Protein backbone atom coordinates (compact mmCIF):
# COMPACT_ATOMS: atom_id res chain seq x y z
CA MET A 1 -12.08 22.70 -2.62
CA HIS A 2 -14.48 21.78 0.15
CA ASP A 3 -12.24 21.68 3.23
CA ASN A 4 -15.16 21.09 5.58
CA ASP A 5 -16.57 18.18 3.57
CA ASP A 6 -15.69 14.88 5.32
CA SER A 7 -16.20 12.68 2.25
CA PRO A 8 -13.11 10.69 1.20
CA CYS A 9 -12.59 12.81 -1.90
CA PHE A 10 -12.30 16.03 0.09
CA ARG A 11 -10.34 15.07 3.22
CA SER A 12 -7.26 17.17 3.73
CA PRO A 13 -3.95 15.39 4.24
CA SER A 14 -3.81 16.54 7.87
CA VAL A 15 -7.18 14.90 8.59
CA GLU A 16 -5.93 11.67 7.00
CA ASP A 17 -2.66 11.94 8.96
CA ASP A 18 -4.56 12.46 12.22
CA ARG A 19 -6.80 9.46 11.55
CA GLU A 20 -3.81 7.28 10.68
CA GLN A 21 -1.98 8.32 13.84
CA GLU A 22 -5.08 7.69 15.93
CA ALA A 23 -5.47 4.23 14.41
CA ILE A 24 -1.79 3.39 14.98
CA LEU A 25 -1.80 4.53 18.59
CA ASP A 26 -5.12 2.82 19.33
CA HIS A 27 -3.85 -0.43 17.83
CA LEU A 28 -0.63 -0.35 19.85
CA LEU A 29 -2.51 0.53 23.04
CA CYS A 30 -4.90 -2.38 22.50
CA GLU A 31 -1.96 -4.75 21.90
CA HIS A 32 -0.12 -3.56 25.03
CA PRO A 33 1.76 -5.13 26.79
CA ASP A 34 2.61 -7.00 23.58
CA GLN A 35 4.93 -5.02 21.37
CA LEU A 36 4.88 -4.91 17.60
CA THR A 37 7.65 -4.15 15.17
CA VAL A 38 7.14 -1.53 12.50
CA GLY A 39 6.97 -4.35 9.95
CA GLU A 40 4.28 -6.19 11.92
CA LEU A 41 2.27 -2.98 12.27
CA ILE A 42 2.51 -2.37 8.52
CA GLN A 43 1.54 -6.00 7.82
CA GLU A 44 -1.54 -5.72 10.03
CA PHE A 45 -2.64 -2.38 8.59
CA THR A 46 -2.10 -3.29 4.92
CA ARG A 47 -3.16 -6.95 5.31
CA GLY A 48 -0.05 -7.87 3.33
CA ARG A 49 -1.00 -5.83 0.26
CA ASP A 50 1.72 -3.93 -1.58
CA ASP A 51 0.33 -0.46 -0.84
CA ARG A 52 3.31 1.92 -0.76
CA PRO A 53 1.23 5.09 -0.12
CA HIS A 54 -0.35 3.45 2.94
CA VAL A 55 3.05 2.20 4.14
CA ASN A 56 4.38 5.75 3.82
CA ARG A 57 1.45 7.09 5.89
CA ILE A 58 2.06 4.47 8.57
CA GLU A 59 5.78 5.27 8.74
CA HIS A 60 5.02 8.98 8.88
CA GLY A 61 2.39 8.41 11.57
CA VAL A 62 4.83 6.41 13.69
CA ALA A 63 7.43 9.16 13.37
CA GLU A 64 4.89 11.83 14.34
CA LEU A 65 3.72 9.84 17.38
CA ILE A 66 7.32 9.34 18.50
CA GLY A 67 7.93 13.07 18.08
CA ALA A 68 4.83 13.84 20.13
CA GLY A 69 6.08 11.63 22.96
CA LEU A 70 3.33 9.03 22.59
CA LEU A 71 5.42 6.12 21.26
CA HIS A 72 8.85 4.71 22.06
CA ARG A 73 10.88 2.97 19.38
CA ASP A 74 13.62 0.53 20.31
CA GLY A 75 15.13 -0.60 17.02
CA GLU A 76 12.10 -1.85 15.11
CA THR A 77 9.95 -2.42 18.22
CA LEU A 78 7.20 0.06 19.10
CA ARG A 79 5.45 0.60 22.41
CA PRO A 80 3.24 3.32 23.87
CA THR A 81 4.80 5.71 26.37
CA ARG A 82 3.63 5.92 29.98
CA ALA A 83 1.83 9.15 29.13
CA ALA A 84 -0.09 7.47 26.30
CA LEU A 85 -0.97 4.51 28.53
CA CYS A 86 -2.12 6.81 31.35
CA PHE A 87 -4.29 8.90 29.02
CA HIS A 88 -5.75 5.74 27.49
CA ARG A 89 -6.60 4.35 30.92
CA LEU A 90 -8.24 7.64 31.98
CA HIS A 91 -10.11 7.99 28.69
CA GLU A 92 -11.48 4.43 28.88
CA GLY A 93 -13.09 5.32 32.22
CA ASP A 94 -15.53 7.70 30.48
């Protein structure tokens, strides 16, 4: 297998996971201060299609971001943590 090849056929699951997490966090940061539910996030990412593998990746990505301290979850509602917001603000200044 070509682990260094970035074509879609050869991306490792961790690269796909990282990209999904980055997309989730970026989306929630751009929506801030509005808050989305997990269902709304899934709806926006899948455009309403029944795509269970993608839904699973989104749910996994949310869980990983919560575990990393970058998202808060209150019931179904998601919001970026202060640390994520601070980093985003600093990074945008580049």
